[in-house]
Amino acid sequence: MNFLAQQGIHPLLFALIVDFLTMLERDSYTMKM
């Protein structure tokens, strides 16, 4: 997490990105089925 802090990425923004990526993975997974 120190690397992210040095890059200036806020934890909240990082959480939003992770949530967005998981949503994309879920959509692609449902499309495969």
PDB file of N, CA and C in Angstrom:
ATOM      1  N   MET A   1       0.843  -1.211   0.000  1.00  0.00           N
ATOM      2  CA  MET A   1       0.000   0.000   0.000  1.00  0.00           C
ATOM      3  C   MET A   1       0.875   1.257   0.000  1.00  0.00           C
ATOM      4  N   ASN A   2       2.110   1.139   0.451  1.00  0.00           N
ATOM      5  CA  ASN A   2       3.009   2.292   0.456  1.00  0.00           C
ATOM      6  C   ASN A   2       3.271   2.772  -0.969  1.00  0.00           C
ATOM      7  N   PHE A   3       3.372   1.834  -1.910  1.00  0.00           N
ATOM      8  CA  PHE A   3       3.601   2.195  -3.307  1.00  0.00           C
ATOM      9  C   PHE A   3       2.425   3.004  -3.851  1.00  0.00           C
ATOM     10  N   LEU A   4       1.205   2.580  -3.511  1.00  0.00           N
ATOM     11  CA  LEU A   4       0.018   3.312  -3.960  1.00  0.00           C
ATOM     12  C   LEU A   4      -0.008   4.701  -3.367  1.00  0.00           C
ATOM     13  N   ALA A   5       0.401   4.819  -2.106  1.00  0.00           N
ATOM     14  CA  ALA A   5       0.404   6.124  -1.444  1.00  0.00           C
ATOM     15  C   ALA A   5       1.412   7.053  -2.124  1.00  0.00           C
ATOM     16  N   GLN A   6       2.552   6.501  -2.531  1.00  0.00           N
ATOM     17  CA  GLN A   6       3.559   7.322  -3.205  1.00  0.00           C
ATOM     18  C   GLN A   6       3.055   7.772  -4.573  1.00  0.00           C
ATOM     19  N   GLN A   7       2.232   6.963  -5.217  1.00  0.00           N
ATOM     20  CA  GLN A   7       1.686   7.331  -6.519  1.00  0.00           C
ATOM     21  C   GLN A   7       0.569   8.365  -6.401  1.00  0.00           C
ATOM     22  N   GLY A   8       0.117   8.605  -5.170  1.00  0.00           N
ATOM     23  CA  GLY A   8      -0.923   9.610  -4.962  1.00  0.00           C
ATOM     24  C   GLY A   8      -2.322   9.066  -5.173  1.00  0.00           C
ATOM     25  N   ILE A   9      -2.469   7.737  -5.095  1.00  0.00           N
ATOM     26  CA  ILE A   9      -3.799   7.140  -5.258  1.00  0.00           C
ATOM     27  C   ILE A   9      -4.463   7.033  -3.894  1.00  0.00           C
ATOM     28  N   HIS A  10      -5.647   7.632  -3.778  1.00  0.00           N
ATOM     29  CA  HIS A  10      -6.349   7.584  -2.506  1.00  0.00           C
ATOM     30  C   HIS A  10      -6.962   6.201  -2.291  1.00  0.00           C
ATOM     31  N   PRO A  11      -7.004   5.731  -1.058  1.00  0.00           N
ATOM     32  CA  PRO A  11      -7.609   4.415  -0.761  1.00  0.00           C
ATOM     33  C   PRO A  11      -9.042   4.313  -1.264  1.00  0.00           C
ATOM     34  N   LEU A  12      -9.786   5.410  -1.177  1.00  0.00           N
ATOM     35  CA  LEU A  12     -11.179   5.393  -1.639  1.00  0.00           C
ATOM     36  C   LEU A  12     -11.224   5.188  -3.153  1.00  0.00           C
ATOM     37  N   LEU A  13     -10.354   5.901  -3.873  1.00  0.00           N
ATOM     38  CA  LEU A  13     -10.301   5.753  -5.322  1.00  0.00           C
ATOM     39  C   LEU A  13      -9.873   4.340  -5.684  1.00  0.00           C
ATOM     40  N   PHE A  14      -8.904   3.802  -4.945  1.00  0.00           N
ATOM     41  CA  PHE A  14      -8.438   2.439  -5.194  1.00  0.00           C
ATOM     42  C   PHE A  14      -9.573   1.443  -4.980  1.00  0.00           C
ATOM     43  N   ALA A  15     -10.384   1.670  -3.939  1.00  0.00           N
ATOM     44  CA  ALA A  15     -11.516   0.783  -3.661  1.00  0.00           C
ATOM     45  C   ALA A  15     -12.541   0.855  -4.792  1.00  0.00           C
ATOM     46  N   LEU A  16     -12.763   2.056  -5.329  1.00  0.00           N
ATOM     47  CA  LEU A  16     -13.702   2.212  -6.432  1.00  0.00           C
ATOM     48  C   LEU A  16     -13.212   1.461  -7.666  1.00  0.00           C
ATOM     49  N   ILE A  17     -11.897   1.524  -7.927  1.00  0.00           N
ATOM     50  CA  ILE A  17     -11.329   0.834  -9.088  1.00  0.00           C
ATOM     51  C   ILE A  17     -11.471  -0.676  -8.922  1.00  0.00           C
ATOM     52  N   VAL A  18     -11.190  -1.175  -7.707  1.00  0.00           N
ATOM     53  CA  VAL A  18     -11.312  -2.612  -7.459  1.00  0.00           C
ATOM     54  C   VAL A  18     -12.760  -3.055  -7.623  1.00  0.00           C
ATOM     55  N   ASP A  19     -13.692  -2.260  -7.113  1.00  0.00           N
ATOM     56  CA  ASP A  19     -15.107  -2.598  -7.223  1.00  0.00           C
ATOM     57  C   ASP A  19     -15.538  -2.590  -8.683  1.00  0.00           C
ATOM     58  N   PHE A  20     -15.027  -1.635  -9.463  1.00  0.00           N
ATOM     59  CA  PHE A  20     -15.364  -1.547 -10.877  1.00  0.00           C
ATOM     60  C   PHE A  20     -14.833  -2.759 -11.627  1.00  0.00           C
ATOM     61  N   LEU A  21     -13.597  -3.167 -11.305  1.00  0.00           N
ATOM     62  CA  LEU A  21     -12.997  -4.332 -11.976  1.00  0.00           C
ATOM     63  C   LEU A  21     -13.766  -5.606 -11.632  1.00  0.00           C
ATOM     64  N   THR A  22     -14.170  -5.748 -10.382  1.00  0.00           N
ATOM     65  CA  THR A  22     -14.919  -6.942  -9.997  1.00  0.00           C
ATOM     66  C   THR A  22     -16.279  -6.959 -10.698  1.00  0.00           C
ATOM     67  N   MET A  23     -16.874  -5.781 -10.905  1.00  0.00           N
ATOM     68  CA  MET A  23     -18.144  -5.705 -11.606  1.00  0.00           C
ATOM     69  C   MET A  23     -17.966  -6.132 -13.067  1.00  0.00           C
ATOM     70  N   LEU A  24     -16.865  -5.703 -13.689  1.00  0.00           N
ATOM     71  CA  LEU A  24     -16.597  -6.094 -15.071  1.00  0.00           C
ATOM     72  C   LEU A  24     -16.392  -7.605 -15.167  1.00  0.00           C
ATOM     73  N   GLU A  25     -15.662  -8.168 -14.224  1.00  0.00           N
ATOM     74  CA  GLU A  25     -15.425  -9.616 -14.234  1.00  0.00           C
ATOM     75  C   GLU A  25     -16.733 -10.367 -14.066  1.00  0.00           C
ATOM     76  N   ARG A  26     -17.619  -9.857 -13.207  1.00  0.00           N
ATOM     77  CA  ARG A  26     -18.903 -10.514 -12.981  1.00  0.00           C
ATOM     78  C   ARG A  26     -19.754 -10.450 -14.254  1.00  0.00           C
ATOM     79  N   ASP A  27     -19.734  -9.304 -14.951  1.00  0.00           N
ATOM     80  CA  ASP A  27     -20.515  -9.166 -16.177  1.00  0.00           C
ATOM     81  C   ASP A  27     -19.986 -10.116 -17.253  1.00  0.00           C
ATOM     82  N   SER A  28     -18.663 -10.195 -17.401  1.00  0.00           N
ATOM     83  CA  SER A  28     -18.088 -11.073 -18.418  1.00  0.00           C
ATOM     84  C   SER A  28     -18.360 -12.535 -18.059  1.00  0.00           C
ATOM     85  N   TYR A  29     -18.385 -12.836 -16.765  1.00  0.00           N
ATOM     86  CA  TYR A  29     -18.652 -14.210 -16.332  1.00  0.00           C
ATOM     87  C   TYR A  29     -20.093 -14.600 -16.660  1.00  0.00           C
ATOM     88  N   THR A  30     -21.025 -13.673 -16.448  1.00  0.00           N
ATOM     89  CA  THR A  30     -22.426 -13.970 -16.737  1.00  0.00           C
ATOM     90  C   THR A  30     -22.642 -14.064 -18.249  1.00  0.00           C
ATOM     91  N   MET A  31     -21.871 -13.309 -19.024  1.00  0.00           N
ATOM     92  CA  MET A  31     -22.000 -13.368 -20.480  1.00  0.00           C
ATOM     93  C   MET A  31     -21.539 -14.724 -21.003  1.00  0.00           C
ATOM     94  N   LYS A  32     -20.493 -15.294 -20.381  1.00  0.00           N
ATOM     95  CA  LYS A  32     -19.998 -16.604 -20.810  1.00  0.00           C
ATOM     96  C   LYS A  32     -21.066 -17.668 -20.603  1.00  0.00           C
ATOM     97  N   MET A  33     -21.844 -17.529 -19.541  1.00  0.00           N
ATOM     98  CA  MET A  33     -22.899 -18.508 -19.277  1.00  0.00           C
ATOM     99  C   MET A  33     -24.133 -18.137 -20.106  1.00  0.00           C
TER     100      MET A  33
END
